[in-house]
């Protein structure tokens, strides 16, 4: 009886691993590109907002034109 319990426990564990692999792997393959795309969109959106913010700082003479140009090159690289 003790051996039967071990066999059943190992079988259950094997079944759980197979079940997870049949469910998780396809889900990951489906979701991963969409998650990466969303993260890239978020980064571009943040870079755009930061560029507008630095432009406002330039317009208010809080930062110099050189500081703005340096930051704008960095942010534009993220946008493109």
PDB file of N, CA and C in Angstrom:
ATOM      1  N   UNK A   1       0.828  -1.184   0.000  1.00  0.00           N
ATOM      2  CA  UNK A   1       0.000   0.000   0.000  1.00  0.00           C
ATOM      3  C   UNK A   1       0.873   1.248   0.000  1.00  0.00           C
ATOM      4  N   UNK A   2       1.962   1.235   0.776  1.00  0.00           N
ATOM      5  CA  UNK A   2       2.849   2.382   0.843  1.00  0.00           C
ATOM      6  C   UNK A   2       3.470   2.657  -0.515  1.00  0.00           C
ATOM      7  N   UNK A   3       3.863   1.615  -1.241  1.00  0.00           N
ATOM      8  CA  UNK A   3       4.439   1.783  -2.569  1.00  0.00           C
ATOM      9  C   UNK A   3       3.416   2.337  -3.550  1.00  0.00           C
ATOM     10  N   UNK A   4       2.182   1.900  -3.432  1.00  0.00           N
ATOM     11  CA  UNK A   4       1.128   2.391  -4.310  1.00  0.00           C
ATOM     12  C   UNK A   4       0.920   3.896  -4.114  1.00  0.00           C
ATOM     13  N   UNK A   5       1.004   4.343  -2.865  1.00  0.00           N
ATOM     14  CA  UNK A   5       0.860   5.773  -2.579  1.00  0.00           C
ATOM     15  C   UNK A   5       1.976   6.572  -3.222  1.00  0.00           C
ATOM     16  N   UNK A   6       3.189   6.059  -3.181  1.00  0.00           N
ATOM     17  CA  UNK A   6       4.325   6.737  -3.812  1.00  0.00           C
ATOM     18  C   UNK A   6       4.163   6.814  -5.316  1.00  0.00           C
ATOM     19  N   UNK A   7       3.709   5.701  -5.896  1.00  0.00           N
ATOM     20  CA  UNK A   7       3.489   5.687  -7.344  1.00  0.00           C
ATOM     21  C   UNK A   7       2.410   6.703  -7.727  1.00  0.00           C
ATOM     22  N   UNK A   8       1.322   6.708  -6.978  1.00  0.00           N
ATOM     23  CA  UNK A   8       0.241   7.652  -7.270  1.00  0.00           C
ATOM     24  C   UNK A   8       0.697   9.102  -7.089  1.00  0.00           C
ATOM     25  N   UNK A   9       1.503   9.341  -6.064  1.00  0.00           N
ATOM     26  CA  UNK A   9       2.006  10.698  -5.824  1.00  0.00           C
ATOM     27  C   UNK A   9       2.910  11.134  -6.975  1.00  0.00           C
ATOM     28  N   UNK A  10       3.809  10.254  -7.411  1.00  0.00           N
ATOM     29  CA  UNK A  10       4.696  10.590  -8.522  1.00  0.00           C
ATOM     30  C   UNK A  10       3.926  10.764  -9.821  1.00  0.00           C
ATOM     31  N   UNK A  11       2.918   9.951 -10.014  1.00  0.00           N
ATOM     32  CA  UNK A  11       2.091  10.066 -11.212  1.00  0.00           C
ATOM     33  C   UNK A  11       1.341  11.401 -11.208  1.00  0.00           C
ATOM     34  N   UNK A  12       0.826  11.750 -10.038  1.00  0.00           N
ATOM     35  CA  UNK A  12       0.123  13.029  -9.912  1.00  0.00           C
ATOM     36  C   UNK A  12       1.046  14.199 -10.183  1.00  0.00           C
ATOM     37  N   UNK A  13       2.275  14.124  -9.698  1.00  0.00           N
ATOM     38  CA  UNK A  13       3.246  15.179  -9.931  1.00  0.00           C
ATOM     39  C   UNK A  13       3.589  15.268 -11.415  1.00  0.00           C
ATOM     40  N   UNK A  14       3.780  14.113 -12.042  1.00  0.00           N
ATOM     41  CA  UNK A  14       4.058  14.094 -13.479  1.00  0.00           C
ATOM     42  C   UNK A  14       2.906  14.673 -14.276  1.00  0.00           C
ATOM     43  N   UNK A  15       1.696  14.333 -13.893  1.00  0.00           N
ATOM     44  CA  UNK A  15       0.514  14.862 -14.565  1.00  0.00           C
ATOM     45  C   UNK A  15       0.444  16.379 -14.395  1.00  0.00           C
ATOM     46  N   UNK A  16       0.767  16.869 -13.203  1.00  0.00           N
ATOM     47  CA  UNK A  16       0.732  18.311 -12.955  1.00  0.00           C
ATOM     48  C   UNK A  16       1.757  19.031 -13.820  1.00  0.00           C
ATOM     49  N   UNK A  17       2.949  18.475 -13.921  1.00  0.00           N
ATOM     50  CA  UNK A  17       3.993  19.095 -14.743  1.00  0.00           C
ATOM     51  C   UNK A  17       3.571  19.116 -16.207  1.00  0.00           C
ATOM     52  N   UNK A  18       3.034  18.011 -16.702  1.00  0.00           N
ATOM     53  CA  UNK A  18       2.572  17.980 -18.091  1.00  0.00           C
ATOM     54  C   UNK A  18       1.430  18.951 -18.324  1.00  0.00           C
ATOM     55  N   UNK A  19       0.510  19.015 -17.385  1.00  0.00           N
ATOM     56  CA  UNK A  19      -0.623  19.933 -17.524  1.00  0.00           C
ATOM     57  C   UNK A  19      -0.150  21.367 -17.591  1.00  0.00           C
ATOM     58  N   UNK A  20       0.788  21.704 -16.736  1.00  0.00           N
ATOM     59  CA  UNK A  20       1.320  23.068 -16.729  1.00  0.00           C
ATOM     60  C   UNK A  20       2.038  23.355 -18.035  1.00  0.00           C
ATOM     61  N   UNK A  21       2.833  22.407 -18.512  1.00  0.00           N
ATOM     62  CA  UNK A  21       3.585  22.652 -19.740  1.00  0.00           C
ATOM     63  C   UNK A  21       2.654  22.791 -20.945  1.00  0.00           C
ATOM     64  N   UNK A  22       1.543  22.087 -20.960  1.00  0.00           N
ATOM     65  CA  UNK A  22       0.599  22.217 -22.072  1.00  0.00           C
ATOM     66  C   UNK A  22      -0.185  23.527 -22.007  1.00  0.00           C
ATOM     67  N   UNK A  23      -0.301  24.089 -20.807  1.00  0.00           N
ATOM     68  CA  UNK A  23      -1.056  25.323 -20.654  1.00  0.00           C
ATOM     69  C   UNK A  23      -0.150  26.553 -20.662  1.00  0.00           C
ATOM     70  N   UNK A  24       0.936  26.522 -19.888  1.00  0.00           N
ATOM     71  CA  UNK A  24       1.772  27.706 -19.694  1.00  0.00           C
ATOM     72  C   UNK A  24       2.608  28.029 -20.926  1.00  0.00           C
ATOM     73  N   UNK A  25       3.209  27.048 -21.547  1.00  0.00           N
ATOM     74  CA  UNK A  25       4.082  27.308 -22.689  1.00  0.00           C
ATOM     75  C   UNK A  25       3.317  27.982 -23.834  1.00  0.00           C
ATOM     76  N   UNK A  26       2.174  27.473 -24.253  1.00  0.00           N
ATOM     77  CA  UNK A  26       1.448  28.184 -25.314  1.00  0.00           C
ATOM     78  C   UNK A  26       0.984  29.578 -24.881  1.00  0.00           C
ATOM     79  N   UNK A  27       0.605  29.714 -23.621  1.00  0.00           N
ATOM     80  CA  UNK A  27       0.184  31.021 -23.119  1.00  0.00           C
ATOM     81  C   UNK A  27       1.347  32.000 -23.165  1.00  0.00           C
ATOM     82  N   UNK A  28       2.535  31.559 -22.768  1.00  0.00           N
ATOM     83  CA  UNK A  28       3.716  32.417 -22.808  1.00  0.00           C
ATOM     84  C   UNK A  28       4.032  32.821 -24.248  1.00  0.00           C
ATOM     85  N   UNK A  29       3.986  31.865 -25.167  1.00  0.00           N
ATOM     86  CA  UNK A  29       4.271  32.178 -26.575  1.00  0.00           C
ATOM     87  C   UNK A  29       3.267  33.165 -27.138  1.00  0.00           C
ATOM     88  N   UNK A  30       2.048  33.113 -26.651  1.00  0.00           N
ATOM     89  CA  UNK A  30       1.006  34.033 -27.104  1.00  0.00           C
ATOM     90  C   UNK A  30       1.187  35.406 -26.462  1.00  0.00           C
ATOM     91  N   UNK A  31       1.475  35.436 -25.175  1.00  0.00           N
ATOM     92  CA  UNK A  31       1.473  36.693 -24.429  1.00  0.00           C
ATOM     93  C   UNK A  31       2.797  37.447 -24.509  1.00  0.00           C
ATOM     94  N   UNK A  32       3.907  36.776 -24.614  1.00  0.00           N
ATOM     95  CA  UNK A  32       5.215  37.431 -24.547  1.00  0.00           C
ATOM     96  C   UNK A  32       5.377  38.560 -25.567  1.00  0.00           C
ATOM     97  N   UNK A  33       5.060  38.349 -26.852  1.00  0.00           N
ATOM     98  CA  UNK A  33       5.221  39.451 -27.801  1.00  0.00           C
ATOM     99  C   UNK A  33       4.325  40.647 -27.476  1.00  0.00           C
ATOM    100  N   UNK A  34       3.140  40.373 -26.984  1.00  0.00           N
ATOM    101  CA  UNK A  34       2.213  41.462 -26.643  1.00  0.00           C
ATOM    102  C   UNK A  34       2.693  42.243 -25.435  1.00  0.00           C
ATOM    103  N   UNK A  35       3.279  41.553 -24.477  1.00  0.00           N
ATOM    104  CA  UNK A  35       3.821  42.224 -23.299  1.00  0.00           C
ATOM    105  C   UNK A  35       5.012  43.086 -23.696  1.00  0.00           C
ATOM    106  N   UNK A  36       5.882  42.545 -24.530  1.00  0.00           N
ATOM    107  CA  UNK A  36       7.045  43.312 -24.980  1.00  0.00           C
ATOM    108  C   UNK A  36       6.603  44.549 -25.762  1.00  0.00           C
ATOM    109  N   UNK A  37       5.602  44.406 -26.607  1.00  0.00           N
ATOM    110  CA  UNK A  37       5.091  45.533 -27.375  1.00  0.00           C
ATOM    111  C   UNK A  37       4.505  46.603 -26.449  1.00  0.00           C
ATOM    112  N   UNK A  38       3.783  46.182 -25.433  1.00  0.00           N
ATOM    113  CA  UNK A  38       3.200  47.126 -24.477  1.00  0.00           C
ATOM    114  C   UNK A  38       4.290  47.870 -23.707  1.00  0.00           C
ATOM    115  N   UNK A  39       5.346  47.156 -23.315  1.00  0.00           N
ATOM    116  CA  UNK A  39       6.443  47.805 -22.606  1.00  0.00           C
ATOM    117  C   UNK A  39       7.161  48.807 -23.496  1.00  0.00           C
ATOM    118  N   UNK A  40       7.338  48.468 -24.756  1.00  0.00           N
ATOM    119  CA  UNK A  40       7.972  49.385 -25.701  1.00  0.00           C
ATOM    120  C   UNK A  40       7.105  50.621 -25.912  1.00  0.00           C
ATOM    121  N   UNK A  41       5.798  50.438 -26.056  1.00  0.00           N
ATOM    122  CA  UNK A  41       4.878  51.571 -26.203  1.00  0.00           C
ATOM    123  C   UNK A  41       4.936  52.478 -24.985  1.00  0.00           C
ATOM    124  N   UNK A  42       5.008  51.876 -23.797  1.00  0.00           N
ATOM    125  CA  UNK A  42       5.074  52.661 -22.562  1.00  0.00           C
ATOM    126  C   UNK A  42       6.360  53.475 -22.520  1.00  0.00           C
ATOM    127  N   UNK A  43       7.479  52.869 -22.913  1.00  0.00           N
ATOM    128  CA  UNK A  43       8.766  53.570 -22.909  1.00  0.00           C
ATOM    129  C   UNK A  43       8.746  54.729 -23.899  1.00  0.00           C
ATOM    130  N   UNK A  44       8.156  54.511 -25.061  1.00  0.00           N
ATOM    131  CA  UNK A  44       8.067  55.580 -26.058  1.00  0.00           C
ATOM    132  C   UNK A  44       7.169  56.704 -25.566  1.00  0.00           C
ATOM    133  N   UNK A  45       6.076  56.353 -24.923  1.00  0.00           N
ATOM    134  CA  UNK A  45       5.167  57.353 -24.386  1.00  0.00           C
ATOM    135  C   UNK A  45       5.863  58.195 -23.322  1.00  0.00           C
ATOM    136  N   UNK A  46       6.636  57.541 -22.458  1.00  0.00           N
ATOM    137  CA  UNK A  46       7.365  58.269 -21.415  1.00  0.00           C
ATOM    138  C   UNK A  46       8.414  59.181 -22.039  1.00  0.00           C
ATOM    139  N   UNK A  47       9.126  58.705 -23.044  1.00  0.00           N
ATOM    140  CA  UNK A  47      10.138  59.525 -23.706  1.00  0.00           C
ATOM    141  C   UNK A  47       9.494  60.749 -24.356  1.00  0.00           C
ATOM    142  N   UNK A  48       8.343  60.569 -24.975  1.00  0.00           N
ATOM    143  CA  UNK A  48       7.630  61.689 -25.602  1.00  0.00           C
ATOM    144  C   UNK A  48       7.212  62.716 -24.550  1.00  0.00           C
ATOM    145  N   UNK A  49       6.663  62.262 -23.435  1.00  0.00           N
ATOM    146  CA  UNK A  49       6.253  63.174 -22.362  1.00  0.00           C
ATOM    147  C   UNK A  49       7.454  63.908 -21.780  1.00  0.00           C
ATOM    148  N   UNK A  50       8.559  63.179 -21.620  1.00  0.00           N
ATOM    149  CA  UNK A  50       9.773  63.814 -21.105  1.00  0.00           C
ATOM    150  C   UNK A  50      10.294  64.874 -22.077  1.00  0.00           C
ATOM    151  N   UNK A  51      10.220  64.584 -23.365  1.00  0.00           N
ATOM    152  CA  UNK A  51      10.659  65.554 -24.368  1.00  0.00           C
ATOM    153  C   UNK A  51       9.814  66.828 -24.284  1.00  0.00           C
ATOM    154  N   UNK A  52       8.519  66.679 -24.140  1.00  0.00           N
ATOM    155  CA  UNK A  52       7.644  67.849 -23.991  1.00  0.00           C
ATOM    156  C   UNK A  52       7.966  68.618 -22.710  1.00  0.00           C
ATOM    157  N   UNK A  53       8.260  67.886 -21.664  1.00  0.00           N
ATOM    158  CA  UNK A  53       8.595  68.533 -20.387  1.00  0.00           C
ATOM    159  C   UNK A  53       9.895  69.323 -20.502  1.00  0.00           C
ATOM    160  N   UNK A  54      10.905  68.734 -21.153  1.00  0.00           N
ATOM    161  CA  UNK A  54      12.164  69.451 -21.335  1.00  0.00           C
ATOM    162  C   UNK A  54      11.992  70.661 -22.254  1.00  0.00           C
ATOM    163  N   UNK A  55      11.126  70.548 -23.232  1.00  0.00           N
ATOM    164  CA  UNK A  55      10.846  71.690 -24.107  1.00  0.00           C
ATOM    165  C   UNK A  55      10.215  72.827 -23.299  1.00  0.00           C
ATOM    166  N   UNK A  56       9.316  72.484 -22.398  1.00  0.00           N
ATOM    167  CA  UNK A  56       8.698  73.498 -21.538  1.00  0.00           C
ATOM    168  C   UNK A  56       9.756  74.151 -20.641  1.00  0.00           C
ATOM    169  N   UNK A  57      10.686  73.356 -20.133  1.00  0.00           N
ATOM    170  CA  UNK A  57      11.766  73.909 -19.311  1.00  0.00           C
ATOM    171  C   UNK A  57      12.646  74.850 -20.127  1.00  0.00           C
ATOM    172  N   UNK A  58      12.893  74.500 -21.379  1.00  0.00           N
ATOM    173  CA  UNK A  58      13.668  75.371 -22.267  1.00  0.00           C
ATOM    174  C   UNK A  58      12.906  76.672 -22.520  1.00  0.00           C
ATOM    175  N   UNK A  59      11.628  76.560 -22.801  1.00  0.00           N
ATOM    176  CA  UNK A  59      10.811  77.750 -23.071  1.00  0.00           C
ATOM    177  C   UNK A  59      10.752  78.685 -21.863  1.00  0.00           C
ATOM    178  N   UNK A  60      10.861  78.127 -20.670  1.00  0.00           N
ATOM    179  CA  UNK A  60      10.825  78.931 -19.440  1.00  0.00           C
ATOM    180  C   UNK A  60      12.227  79.389 -19.017  1.00  0.00           C
ATOM    181  N   UNK A  61      13.229  79.120 -19.868  1.00  0.00           N
ATOM    182  CA  UNK A  61      14.634  79.480 -19.599  1.00  0.00           C
ATOM    183  C   UNK A  61      15.161  78.852 -18.308  1.00  0.00           C
ATOM    184  N   UNK A  62      14.677  77.668 -17.975  1.00  0.00           N
ATOM    185  CA  UNK A  62      15.161  76.946 -16.799  1.00  0.00           C
ATOM    186  C   UNK A  62      16.381  76.112 -17.169  1.00  0.00           C
ATOM    187  N   UNK A  63      16.394  75.607 -18.398  1.00  0.00           N
ATOM    188  CA  UNK A  63      17.565  74.886 -18.902  1.00  0.00           C
ATOM    189  C   UNK A  63      18.065  75.594 -20.159  1.00  0.00           C
ATOM    190  N   UNK A  64      19.328  75.337 -20.477  1.00  0.00           N
ATOM    191  CA  UNK A  64      19.918  75.974 -21.667  1.00  0.00           C
ATOM    192  C   UNK A  64      19.563  75.189 -22.926  1.00  0.00           C
ATOM    193  N   UNK A  65      19.779  75.827 -24.051  1.00  0.00           N
ATOM    194  CA  UNK A  65      19.515  75.175 -25.338  1.00  0.00           C
ATOM    195  C   UNK A  65      20.406  73.938 -25.498  1.00  0.00           C
ATOM    196  N   UNK A  66      21.646  74.023 -25.024  1.00  0.00           N
ATOM    197  CA  UNK A  66      22.565  72.888 -25.122  1.00  0.00           C
ATOM    198  C   UNK A  66      22.080  71.717 -24.260  1.00  0.00           C
ATOM    199  N   UNK A  67      21.595  72.024 -23.060  1.00  0.00           N
ATOM    200  CA  UNK A  67      21.059  70.964 -22.201  1.00  0.00           C
ATOM    201  C   UNK A  67      19.843  70.309 -22.856  1.00  0.00           C
ATOM    202  N   UNK A  68      18.978  71.146 -23.435  1.00  0.00           N
ATOM    203  CA  UNK A  68      17.793  70.614 -24.106  1.00  0.00           C
ATOM    204  C   UNK A  68      18.188  69.739 -25.293  1.00  0.00           C
ATOM    205  N   UNK A  69      19.112  70.212 -26.099  1.00  0.00           N
ATOM    206  CA  UNK A  69      19.521  69.445 -27.283  1.00  0.00           C
ATOM    207  C   UNK A  69      20.137  68.106 -26.900  1.00  0.00           C
ATOM    208  N   UNK A  70      20.942  68.097 -25.846  1.00  0.00           N
ATOM    209  CA  UNK A  70      21.556  66.837 -25.394  1.00  0.00           C
ATOM    210  C   UNK A  70      20.469  65.863 -24.939  1.00  0.00           C
ATOM    211  N   UNK A  71      19.547  66.358 -24.132  1.00  0.00           N
ATOM    212  CA  UNK A  71      18.474  65.481 -23.639  1.00  0.00           C
ATOM    213  C   UNK A  71      17.544  65.078 -24.774  1.00  0.00           C
ATOM    214  N   UNK A  72      17.287  65.995 -25.691  1.00  0.00           N
ATOM    215  CA  UNK A  72      16.369  65.679 -26.784  1.00  0.00           C
ATOM    216  C   UNK A  72      16.943  64.594 -27.701  1.00  0.00           C
ATOM    217  N   UNK A  73      18.261  64.614 -27.933  1.00  0.00           N
ATOM    218  CA  UNK A  73      18.885  63.541 -28.736  1.00  0.00           C
ATOM    219  C   UNK A  73      18.696  62.191 -28.053  1.00  0.00           C
ATOM    220  N   UNK A  74      18.899  62.180 -26.746  1.00  0.00           N
ATOM    221  CA  UNK A  74      18.743  60.937 -25.976  1.00  0.00           C
ATOM    222  C   UNK A  74      17.300  60.420 -26.045  1.00  0.00           C
ATOM    223  N   UNK A  75      16.353  61.334 -25.883  1.00  0.00           N
ATOM    224  CA  UNK A  75      14.936  60.922 -25.886  1.00  0.00           C
ATOM    225  C   UNK A  75      14.467  60.544 -27.286  1.00  0.00           C
ATOM    226  N   UNK A  76      14.922  61.263 -28.294  1.00  0.00           N
ATOM    227  CA  UNK A  76      14.530  60.941 -29.672  1.00  0.00           C
ATOM    228  C   UNK A  76      15.050  59.570 -30.090  1.00  0.00           C
ATOM    229  N   UNK A  77      16.195  59.180 -29.563  1.00  0.00           N
ATOM    230  CA  UNK A  77      16.727  57.834 -29.851  1.00  0.00           C
ATOM    231  C   UNK A  77      15.783  56.761 -29.316  1.00  0.00           C
ATOM    232  N   UNK A  78      15.143  57.039 -28.187  1.00  0.00           N
ATOM    233  CA  UNK A  78      14.182  56.089 -27.616  1.00  0.00           C
ATOM    234  C   UNK A  78      12.888  56.054 -28.430  1.00  0.00           C
ATOM    235  N   UNK A  79      12.553  57.187 -29.027  1.00  0.00           N
ATOM    236  CA  UNK A  79      11.308  57.260 -29.796  1.00  0.00           C
ATOM    237  C   UNK A  79      11.426  56.577 -31.157  1.00  0.00           C
ATOM    238  N   UNK A  80      12.607  56.588 -31.717  1.00  0.00           N
ATOM    239  CA  UNK A  80      12.784  56.033 -33.069  1.00  0.00           C
ATOM    240  C   UNK A  80      13.283  54.651 -33.061  1.00  0.00           C
TER     241      UNK A  80
END
